[in-house]
Amino acid sequence: MNKYKTSAYSDRIETVEFVSETAKTCVIVFDWNKQRHERKVVKMSDTDQYHDTWDMAYNHLRTRGIAKLDAARSAVNDAHQALLKIEAMTRPKGAKA
């Protein structure tokens, strides 16, 4: 059986094999040192998320991308507003140029 893994450190979807799952965890299968291993992982952690379908993984990445874009737009808007305030400043009377 397969799950689709997304990571906080990557914008890609990785297909992983799993052998069992509960509501919060799943046991994934991976190869290491030319041997097959199993490891129990949390389905939704701060760094990795395991999704049931590729579409769910895609939507997770897309939502995260939209949030990053919105944050960047907000930061640009804040910087622009600060620049407008600076440009609106006038020299006080008696101040040297």
PDB file of N, CA and C in Angstrom:
ATOM      1  N   MET A   1       0.852  -1.176   0.000  1.00  0.00           N
ATOM      2  CA  MET A   1       0.000   0.000   0.000  1.00  0.00           C
ATOM      3  C   MET A   1       0.896   1.236   0.000  1.00  0.00           C
ATOM      4  N   ASN A   2       0.395   2.307  -0.567  1.00  0.00           N
ATOM      5  CA  ASN A   2       1.191   3.525  -0.690  1.00  0.00           C
ATOM      6  C   ASN A   2       0.553   4.702   0.027  1.00  0.00           C
ATOM      7  N   LYS A   3       1.427   5.581   0.497  1.00  0.00           N
ATOM      8  CA  LYS A   3       1.052   6.891   1.013  1.00  0.00           C
ATOM      9  C   LYS A   3       1.878   7.904   0.225  1.00  0.00           C
ATOM     10  N   TYR A   4       1.498   9.148   0.317  1.00  0.00           N
ATOM     11  CA  TYR A   4       2.188  10.205  -0.405  1.00  0.00           C
ATOM     12  C   TYR A   4       2.708  11.202   0.616  1.00  0.00           C
ATOM     13  N   LYS A   5       4.030  11.337   0.656  1.00  0.00           N
ATOM     14  CA  LYS A   5       4.697  12.135   1.685  1.00  0.00           C
ATOM     15  C   LYS A   5       5.043  13.519   1.163  1.00  0.00           C
ATOM     16  N   THR A   6       4.724  14.532   1.965  1.00  0.00           N
ATOM     17  CA  THR A   6       5.191  15.888   1.713  1.00  0.00           C
ATOM     18  C   THR A   6       6.041  16.283   2.909  1.00  0.00           C
ATOM     19  N   SER A   7       6.946  17.220   2.681  1.00  0.00           N
ATOM     20  CA  SER A   7       7.863  17.644   3.731  1.00  0.00           C
ATOM     21  C   SER A   7       7.899  19.157   3.803  1.00  0.00           C
ATOM     22  N   ALA A   8       8.150  19.660   4.994  1.00  0.00           N
ATOM     23  CA  ALA A   8       8.270  21.108   5.170  1.00  0.00           C
ATOM     24  C   ALA A   8       9.521  21.641   4.478  1.00  0.00           C
ATOM     25  N   TYR A   9      10.458  20.763   4.136  1.00  0.00           N
ATOM     26  CA  TYR A   9      11.723  21.180   3.557  1.00  0.00           C
ATOM     27  C   TYR A   9      11.778  20.999   2.043  1.00  0.00           C
ATOM     28  N   SER A  10      10.678  20.576   1.435  1.00  0.00           N
ATOM     29  CA  SER A  10      10.694  20.284   0.009  1.00  0.00           C
ATOM     30  C   SER A  10       9.324  20.582  -0.605  1.00  0.00           C
ATOM     31  N   ASP A  11       9.338  20.896  -1.881  1.00  0.00           N
ATOM     32  CA  ASP A  11       8.094  21.109  -2.616  1.00  0.00           C
ATOM     33  C   ASP A  11       7.874  19.964  -3.593  1.00  0.00           C
ATOM     34  N   ARG A  12       8.006  18.751  -3.104  1.00  0.00           N
ATOM     35  CA  ARG A  12       7.778  17.574  -3.941  1.00  0.00           C
ATOM     36  C   ARG A  12       6.944  16.556  -3.194  1.00  0.00           C
ATOM     37  N   ILE A  13       6.411  15.610  -3.942  1.00  0.00           N
ATOM     38  CA  ILE A  13       5.586  14.545  -3.370  1.00  0.00           C
ATOM     39  C   ILE A  13       6.339  13.236  -3.574  1.00  0.00           C
ATOM     40  N   GLU A  14       6.535  12.525  -2.481  1.00  0.00           N
ATOM     41  CA  GLU A  14       7.267  11.257  -2.520  1.00  0.00           C
ATOM     42  C   GLU A  14       6.296  10.116  -2.223  1.00  0.00           C
ATOM     43  N   THR A  15       6.323   9.095  -3.048  1.00  0.00           N
ATOM     44  CA  THR A  15       5.497   7.916  -2.806  1.00  0.00           C
ATOM     45  C   THR A  15       6.242   6.989  -1.845  1.00  0.00           C
ATOM     46  N   VAL A  16       5.596   6.618  -0.743  1.00  0.00           N
ATOM     47  CA  VAL A  16       6.207   5.706   0.227  1.00  0.00           C
ATOM     48  C   VAL A  16       5.284   4.520   0.451  1.00  0.00           C
ATOM     49  N   GLU A  17       5.888   3.392   0.700  1.00  0.00           N
ATOM     50  CA  GLU A  17       5.124   2.175   0.971  1.00  0.00           C
ATOM     51  C   GLU A  17       4.894   2.075   2.476  1.00  0.00           C
ATOM     52  N   PHE A  18       3.693   1.647   2.849  1.00  0.00           N
ATOM     53  CA  PHE A  18       3.440   1.427   4.269  1.00  0.00           C
ATOM     54  C   PHE A  18       2.773   0.074   4.455  1.00  0.00           C
ATOM     55  N   VAL A  19       2.933  -0.476   5.661  1.00  0.00           N
ATOM     56  CA  VAL A  19       2.401  -1.819   5.919  1.00  0.00           C
ATOM     57  C   VAL A  19       1.210  -1.808   6.868  1.00  0.00           C
ATOM     58  N   SER A  20       1.120  -0.786   7.705  1.00  0.00           N
ATOM     59  CA  SER A  20      -0.031  -0.699   8.613  1.00  0.00           C
ATOM     60  C   SER A  20      -0.195   0.753   9.037  1.00  0.00           C
ATOM     61  N   GLU A  21      -1.386   1.053   9.592  1.00  0.00           N
ATOM     62  CA  GLU A  21      -1.628   2.420  10.050  1.00  0.00           C
ATOM     63  C   GLU A  21      -2.688   2.443  11.133  1.00  0.00           C
ATOM     64  N   THR A  22      -2.631   3.510  11.922  1.00  0.00           N
ATOM     65  CA  THR A  22      -3.685   3.821  12.894  1.00  0.00           C
ATOM     66  C   THR A  22      -4.191   5.209  12.510  1.00  0.00           C
ATOM     67  N   ALA A  23      -5.010   5.791  13.344  1.00  0.00           N
ATOM     68  CA  ALA A  23      -5.537   7.121  13.036  1.00  0.00           C
ATOM     69  C   ALA A  23      -4.426   8.173  12.989  1.00  0.00           C
ATOM     70  N   LYS A  24      -3.384   8.008  13.814  1.00  0.00           N
ATOM     71  CA  LYS A  24      -2.343   9.025  13.893  1.00  0.00           C
ATOM     72  C   LYS A  24      -0.979   8.586  13.382  1.00  0.00           C
ATOM     73  N   THR A  25      -0.749   7.300  13.218  1.00  0.00           N
ATOM     74  CA  THR A  25       0.564   6.822  12.797  1.00  0.00           C
ATOM     75  C   THR A  25       0.448   5.828  11.650  1.00  0.00           C
ATOM     76  N   CYS A  26       1.579   5.593  10.995  1.00  0.00           N
ATOM     77  CA  CYS A  26       1.657   4.516  10.006  1.00  0.00           C
ATOM     78  C   CYS A  26       3.072   3.935  10.051  1.00  0.00           C
ATOM     79  N   VAL A  27       3.194   2.707   9.637  1.00  0.00           N
ATOM     80  CA  VAL A  27       4.493   2.043   9.580  1.00  0.00           C
ATOM     81  C   VAL A  27       4.936   2.038   8.128  1.00  0.00           C
ATOM     82  N   ILE A  28       6.027   2.770   7.847  1.00  0.00           N
ATOM     83  CA  ILE A  28       6.509   2.867   6.473  1.00  0.00           C
ATOM     84  C   ILE A  28       7.639   1.870   6.255  1.00  0.00           C
ATOM     85  N   VAL A  29       7.846   1.536   4.998  1.00  0.00           N
ATOM     86  CA  VAL A  29       8.908   0.619   4.603  1.00  0.00           C
ATOM     87  C   VAL A  29       9.932   1.409   3.807  1.00  0.00           C
ATOM     88  N   PHE A  30      11.215   1.207   4.122  1.00  0.00           N
ATOM     89  CA  PHE A  30      12.260   1.891   3.365  1.00  0.00           C
ATOM     90  C   PHE A  30      13.487   0.995   3.289  1.00  0.00           C
ATOM     91  N   ASP A  31      14.323   1.268   2.302  1.00  0.00           N
ATOM     92  CA  ASP A  31      15.567   0.522   2.124  1.00  0.00           C
ATOM     93  C   ASP A  31      16.720   1.351   2.667  1.00  0.00           C
ATOM     94  N   TRP A  32      17.562   0.694   3.442  1.00  0.00           N
ATOM     95  CA  TRP A  32      18.739   1.338   3.995  1.00  0.00           C
ATOM     96  C   TRP A  32      19.843   0.297   4.085  1.00  0.00           C
ATOM     97  N   ASN A  33      21.014   0.617   3.585  1.00  0.00           N
ATOM     98  CA  ASN A  33      22.131  -0.342   3.554  1.00  0.00           C
ATOM     99  C   ASN A  33      21.746  -1.635   2.856  1.00  0.00           C
ATOM    100  N   LYS A  34      21.021  -1.501   1.777  1.00  0.00           N
ATOM    101  CA  LYS A  34      20.596  -2.638   0.962  1.00  0.00           C
ATOM    102  C   LYS A  34      19.721  -3.627   1.739  1.00  0.00           C
ATOM    103  N   GLN A  35      19.092  -3.140   2.805  1.00  0.00           N
ATOM    104  CA  GLN A  35      18.166  -3.969   3.583  1.00  0.00           C
ATOM    105  C   GLN A  35      16.847  -3.234   3.727  1.00  0.00           C
ATOM    106  N   ARG A  36      15.792  -4.007   3.828  1.00  0.00           N
ATOM    107  CA  ARG A  36      14.447  -3.451   3.969  1.00  0.00           C
ATOM    108  C   ARG A  36      14.150  -3.243   5.458  1.00  0.00           C
ATOM    109  N   HIS A  37      13.681  -2.056   5.809  1.00  0.00           N
ATOM    110  CA  HIS A  37      13.391  -1.721   7.207  1.00  0.00           C
ATOM    111  C   HIS A  37      11.976  -1.165   7.313  1.00  0.00           C
ATOM    112  N   GLU A  38      11.428  -1.231   8.511  1.00  0.00           N
ATOM    113  CA  GLU A  38      10.134  -0.624   8.808  1.00  0.00           C
ATOM    114  C   GLU A  38      10.323   0.377   9.931  1.00  0.00           C
ATOM    115  N   ARG A  39       9.559   1.461   9.857  1.00  0.00           N
ATOM    116  CA  ARG A  39       9.641   2.488  10.885  1.00  0.00           C
ATOM    117  C   ARG A  39       8.259   3.074  11.120  1.00  0.00           C
ATOM    118  N   LYS A  40       7.908   3.248  12.363  1.00  0.00           N
ATOM    119  CA  LYS A  40       6.634   3.864  12.719  1.00  0.00           C
ATOM    120  C   LYS A  40       6.806   5.381  12.704  1.00  0.00           C
ATOM    121  N   VAL A  41       5.923   6.066  11.994  1.00  0.00           N
ATOM    122  CA  VAL A  41       5.998   7.526  11.887  1.00  0.00           C
ATOM    123  C   VAL A  41       4.629   8.139  12.183  1.00  0.00           C
ATOM    124  N   VAL A  42       4.648   9.381  12.609  1.00  0.00           N
ATOM    125  CA  VAL A  42       3.416  10.137  12.825  1.00  0.00           C
ATOM    126  C   VAL A  42       2.939  10.627  11.461  1.00  0.00           C
ATOM    127  N   LYS A  43       1.657  10.491  11.175  1.00  0.00           N
ATOM    128  CA  LYS A  43       1.137  10.892   9.860  1.00  0.00           C
ATOM    129  C   LYS A  43       1.278  12.384   9.606  1.00  0.00           C
ATOM    130  N   MET A  44       1.009  13.193  10.600  1.00  0.00           N
ATOM    131  CA  MET A  44       1.074  14.641  10.430  1.00  0.00           C
ATOM    132  C   MET A  44       1.969  15.234  11.519  1.00  0.00           C
ATOM    133  N   SER A  45       3.215  15.534  11.164  1.00  0.00           N
ATOM    134  CA  SER A  45       4.135  16.160  12.111  1.00  0.00           C
ATOM    135  C   SER A  45       4.472  17.561  11.600  1.00  0.00           C
ATOM    136  N   ASP A  46       5.328  18.258  12.328  1.00  0.00           N
ATOM    137  CA  ASP A  46       5.737  19.598  11.895  1.00  0.00           C
ATOM    138  C   ASP A  46       6.548  19.546  10.608  1.00  0.00           C
ATOM    139  N   THR A  47       7.231  18.432  10.369  1.00  0.00           N
ATOM    140  CA  THR A  47       8.108  18.358   9.204  1.00  0.00           C
ATOM    141  C   THR A  47       7.558  17.491   8.075  1.00  0.00           C
ATOM    142  N   ASP A  48       6.973  16.346   8.381  1.00  0.00           N
ATOM    143  CA  ASP A  48       6.503  15.424   7.353  1.00  0.00           C
ATOM    144  C   ASP A  48       5.014  15.141   7.504  1.00  0.00           C
ATOM    145  N   GLN A  49       4.354  14.984   6.350  1.00  0.00           N
ATOM    146  CA  GLN A  49       2.938  14.656   6.327  1.00  0.00           C
ATOM    147  C   GLN A  49       2.747  13.493   5.354  1.00  0.00           C
ATOM    148  N   TYR A  50       1.947  12.514   5.768  1.00  0.00           N
ATOM    149  CA  TYR A  50       1.658  11.355   4.925  1.00  0.00           C
ATOM    150  C   TYR A  50       0.182  11.406   4.536  1.00  0.00           C
ATOM    151  N   HIS A  51      -0.080  11.463   3.234  1.00  0.00           N
ATOM    152  CA  HIS A  51      -1.431  11.635   2.715  1.00  0.00           C
ATOM    153  C   HIS A  51      -1.916  10.348   2.058  1.00  0.00           C
ATOM    154  N   ASP A  52      -3.226  10.145   2.069  1.00  0.00           N
ATOM    155  CA  ASP A  52      -3.814   8.939   1.487  1.00  0.00           C
ATOM    156  C   ASP A  52      -3.785   8.945  -0.030  1.00  0.00           C
ATOM    157  N   THR A  53      -3.917  10.115  -0.653  1.00  0.00           N
ATOM    158  CA  THR A  53      -3.939  10.195  -2.117  1.00  0.00           C
ATOM    159  C   THR A  53      -2.949  11.254  -2.587  1.00  0.00           C
ATOM    160  N   TRP A  54      -2.555  11.149  -3.852  1.00  0.00           N
ATOM    161  CA  TRP A  54      -1.659  12.133  -4.434  1.00  0.00           C
ATOM    162  C   TRP A  54      -2.337  13.497  -4.473  1.00  0.00           C
ATOM    163  N   ASP A  55      -3.643  13.524  -4.768  1.00  0.00           N
ATOM    164  CA  ASP A  55      -4.380  14.792  -4.815  1.00  0.00           C
ATOM    165  C   ASP A  55      -4.387  15.495  -3.463  1.00  0.00           C
ATOM    166  N   MET A  56      -4.502  14.738  -2.391  1.00  0.00           N
ATOM    167  CA  MET A  56      -4.458  15.342  -1.050  1.00  0.00           C
ATOM    168  C   MET A  56      -3.075  15.947  -0.792  1.00  0.00           C
ATOM    169  N   ALA A  57      -2.022  15.238  -1.198  1.00  0.00           N
ATOM    170  CA  ALA A  57      -0.666  15.756  -1.031  1.00  0.00           C
ATOM    171  C   ALA A  57      -0.470  17.013  -1.879  1.00  0.00           C
ATOM    172  N   TYR A  58      -0.954  16.989  -3.110  1.00  0.00           N
ATOM    173  CA  TYR A  58      -0.861  18.140  -4.000  1.00  0.00           C
ATOM    174  C   TYR A  58      -1.582  19.345  -3.400  1.00  0.00           C
ATOM    175  N   ASN A  59      -2.793  19.134  -2.896  1.00  0.00           N
ATOM    176  CA  ASN A  59      -3.560  20.236  -2.296  1.00  0.00           C
ATOM    177  C   ASN A  59      -2.860  20.790  -1.068  1.00  0.00           C
ATOM    178  N   HIS A  60      -2.210  19.925  -0.294  1.00  0.00           N
ATOM    179  CA  HIS A  60      -1.445  20.380   0.874  1.00  0.00           C
ATOM    180  C   HIS A  60      -0.308  21.304   0.423  1.00  0.00           C
ATOM    181  N   LEU A  61       0.453  20.868  -0.594  1.00  0.00           N
ATOM    182  CA  LEU A  61       1.551  21.700  -1.090  1.00  0.00           C
ATOM    183  C   LEU A  61       1.038  22.996  -1.696  1.00  0.00           C
ATOM    184  N   ARG A  62      -0.056  22.918  -2.423  1.00  0.00           N
ATOM    185  CA  ARG A  62      -0.625  24.111  -3.053  1.00  0.00           C
ATOM    186  C   ARG A  62      -1.094  25.116  -1.999  1.00  0.00           C
ATOM    187  N   THR A  63      -1.755  24.639  -0.970  1.00  0.00           N
ATOM    188  CA  THR A  63      -2.208  25.509   0.122  1.00  0.00           C
ATOM    189  C   THR A  63      -1.017  26.172   0.806  1.00  0.00           C
ATOM    190  N   ARG A  64       0.044  25.403   1.023  1.00  0.00           N
ATOM    191  CA  ARG A  64       1.249  25.949   1.639  1.00  0.00           C
ATOM    192  C   ARG A  64       1.881  27.006   0.727  1.00  0.00           C
ATOM    193  N   GLY A  65       1.902  26.751  -0.580  1.00  0.00           N
ATOM    194  CA  GLY A  65       2.446  27.716  -1.530  1.00  0.00           C
ATOM    195  C   GLY A  65       1.649  29.007  -1.555  1.00  0.00           C
ATOM    196  N   ILE A  66       0.333  28.886  -1.510  1.00  0.00           N
ATOM    197  CA  ILE A  66      -0.535  30.071  -1.487  1.00  0.00           C
ATOM    198  C   ILE A  66      -0.292  30.885  -0.217  1.00  0.00           C
ATOM    199  N   ALA A  67      -0.130  30.200   0.914  1.00  0.00           N
ATOM    200  CA  ALA A  67       0.139  30.898   2.178  1.00  0.00           C
ATOM    201  C   ALA A  67       1.470  31.648   2.115  1.00  0.00           C
ATOM    202  N   LYS A  68       2.501  31.029   1.519  1.00  0.00           N
ATOM    203  CA  LYS A  68       3.795  31.707   1.367  1.00  0.00           C
ATOM    204  C   LYS A  68       3.658  32.936   0.476  1.00  0.00           C
ATOM    205  N   LEU A  69       2.906  32.802  -0.605  1.00  0.00           N
ATOM    206  CA  LEU A  69       2.697  33.919  -1.524  1.00  0.00           C
ATOM    207  C   LEU A  69       1.943  35.052  -0.832  1.00  0.00           C
ATOM    208  N   ASP A  70       0.908  34.717  -0.072  1.00  0.00           N
ATOM    209  CA  ASP A  70       0.152  35.740   0.651  1.00  0.00           C
ATOM    210  C   ASP A  70       1.039  36.456   1.669  1.00  0.00           C
ATOM    211  N   ALA A  71       1.898  35.708   2.359  1.00  0.00           N
ATOM    212  CA  ALA A  71       2.809  36.313   3.337  1.00  0.00           C
ATOM    213  C   ALA A  71       3.798  37.250   2.638  1.00  0.00           C
ATOM    214  N   ALA A  72       4.288  36.839   1.474  1.00  0.00           N
ATOM    215  CA  ALA A  72       5.217  37.686   0.729  1.00  0.00           C
ATOM    216  C   ALA A  72       4.522  38.960   0.240  1.00  0.00           C
ATOM    217  N   ARG A  73       3.289  38.816  -0.237  1.00  0.00           N
ATOM    218  CA  ARG A  73       2.533  40.001  -0.684  1.00  0.00           C
ATOM    219  C   ARG A  73       2.315  40.964   0.478  1.00  0.00           C
ATOM    220  N   SER A  74       1.991  40.416   1.638  1.00  0.00           N
ATOM    221  CA  SER A  74       1.774  41.256   2.816  1.00  0.00           C
ATOM    222  C   SER A  74       3.063  41.974   3.217  1.00  0.00           C
ATOM    223  N   ALA A  75       4.185  41.262   3.148  1.00  0.00           N
ATOM    224  CA  ALA A  75       5.467  41.882   3.494  1.00  0.00           C
ATOM    225  C   ALA A  75       5.813  42.992   2.510  1.00  0.00           C
ATOM    226  N   VAL A  76       5.560  42.773   1.227  1.00  0.00           N
ATOM    227  CA  VAL A  76       5.816  43.813   0.223  1.00  0.00           C
ATOM    228  C   VAL A  76       4.914  45.011   0.474  1.00  0.00           C
ATOM    229  N   ASN A  77       3.652  44.758   0.796  1.00  0.00           N
ATOM    230  CA  ASN A  77       2.725  45.851   1.073  1.00  0.00           C
ATOM    231  C   ASN A  77       3.175  46.649   2.299  1.00  0.00           C
ATOM    232  N   ASP A  78       3.604  45.955   3.353  1.00  0.00           N
ATOM    233  CA  ASP A  78       4.081  46.647   4.560  1.00  0.00           C
ATOM    234  C   ASP A  78       5.309  47.501   4.241  1.00  0.00           C
ATOM    235  N   ALA A  79       6.228  46.963   3.449  1.00  0.00           N
ATOM    236  CA  ALA A  79       7.428  47.707   3.083  1.00  0.00           C
ATOM    237  C   ALA A  79       7.059  48.927   2.233  1.00  0.00           C
ATOM    238  N   HIS A  80       6.112  48.746   1.338  1.00  0.00           N
ATOM    239  CA  HIS A  80       5.670  49.857   0.490  1.00  0.00           C
ATOM    240  C   HIS A  80       5.033  50.960   1.339  1.00  0.00           C
ATOM    241  N   GLN A  81       4.211  50.582   2.298  1.00  0.00           N
ATOM    242  CA  GLN A  81       3.585  51.572   3.177  1.00  0.00           C
ATOM    243  C   GLN A  81       4.630  52.319   3.994  1.00  0.00           C
ATOM    244  N   ALA A  82       5.649  51.617   4.470  1.00  0.00           N
ATOM    245  CA  ALA A  82       6.723  52.272   5.219  1.00  0.00           C
ATOM    246  C   ALA A  82       7.472  53.251   4.329  1.00  0.00           C
ATOM    247  N   LEU A  83       7.731  52.874   3.090  1.00  0.00           N
ATOM    248  CA  LEU A  83       8.411  53.762   2.152  1.00  0.00           C
ATOM    249  C   LEU A  83       7.572  55.000   1.872  1.00  0.00           C
ATOM    250  N   LEU A  84       6.262  54.825   1.714  1.00  0.00           N
ATOM    251  CA  LEU A  84       5.391  55.978   1.473  1.00  0.00           C
ATOM    252  C   LEU A  84       5.423  56.947   2.650  1.00  0.00           C
ATOM    253  N   LYS A  85       5.459  56.420   3.872  1.00  0.00           N
ATOM    254  CA  LYS A  85       5.541  57.303   5.056  1.00  0.00           C
ATOM    255  C   LYS A  85       6.856  58.064   5.064  1.00  0.00           C
ATOM    256  N   ILE A  86       7.930  57.386   4.692  1.00  0.00           N
ATOM    257  CA  ILE A  86       9.237  58.051   4.665  1.00  0.00           C
ATOM    258  C   ILE A  86       9.239  59.138   3.598  1.00  0.00           C
ATOM    259  N   GLU A  87       8.713  58.838   2.420  1.00  0.00           N
ATOM    260  CA  GLU A  87       8.698  59.811   1.333  1.00  0.00           C
ATOM    261  C   GLU A  87       7.783  60.992   1.636  1.00  0.00           C
ATOM    262  N   ALA A  88       6.812  60.805   2.507  1.00  0.00           N
ATOM    263  CA  ALA A  88       5.895  61.893   2.853  1.00  0.00           C
ATOM    264  C   ALA A  88       6.477  62.838   3.905  1.00  0.00           C
ATOM    265  N   MET A  89       7.626  62.469   4.468  1.00  0.00           N
ATOM    266  CA  MET A  89       8.242  63.321   5.488  1.00  0.00           C
ATOM    267  C   MET A  89       8.695  64.632   4.857  1.00  0.00           C
ATOM    268  N   THR A  90       8.611  65.698   5.642  1.00  0.00           N
ATOM    269  CA  THR A  90       9.117  66.996   5.199  1.00  0.00           C
ATOM    270  C   THR A  90      10.167  67.466   6.207  1.00  0.00           C
ATOM    271  N   ARG A  91      11.122  68.243   5.696  1.00  0.00           N
ATOM    272  CA  ARG A  91      12.179  68.750   6.552  1.00  0.00           C
ATOM    273  C   ARG A  91      11.605  69.825   7.462  1.00  0.00           C
ATOM    274  N   PRO A  92      11.873  69.724   8.753  1.00  0.00           N
ATOM    275  CA  PRO A  92      11.384  70.780   9.665  1.00  0.00           C
ATOM    276  C   PRO A  92      12.088  72.113   9.369  1.00  0.00           C
ATOM    277  N   LYS A  93      11.398  73.175   9.685  1.00  0.00           N
ATOM    278  CA  LYS A  93      11.983  74.500   9.476  1.00  0.00           C
ATOM    279  C   LYS A  93      13.250  74.612  10.330  1.00  0.00           C
ATOM    280  N   GLY A  94      14.273  75.139   9.715  1.00  0.00           N
ATOM    281  CA  GLY A  94      15.533  75.348  10.425  1.00  0.00           C
ATOM    282  C   GLY A  94      16.474  74.140  10.341  1.00  0.00           C
ATOM    283  N   ALA A  95      16.025  73.004   9.831  1.00  0.00           N
ATOM    284  CA  ALA A  95      16.907  71.839   9.706  1.00  0.00           C
ATOM    285  C   ALA A  95      17.792  72.007   8.498  1.00  0.00           C
ATOM    286  N   LYS A  96      19.066  71.646   8.634  1.00  0.00           N
ATOM    287  CA  LYS A  96      20.006  71.765   7.529  1.00  0.00           C
ATOM    288  C   LYS A  96      19.788  70.628   6.545  1.00  0.00           C
ATOM    289  N   ALA A  97      20.022  70.906   5.285  1.00  0.00           N
ATOM    290  CA  ALA A  97      19.859  69.912   4.233  1.00  0.00           C
ATOM    291  C   ALA A  97      20.979  68.924   4.200  1.00  0.00           C
TER     292      ALA A  97
END
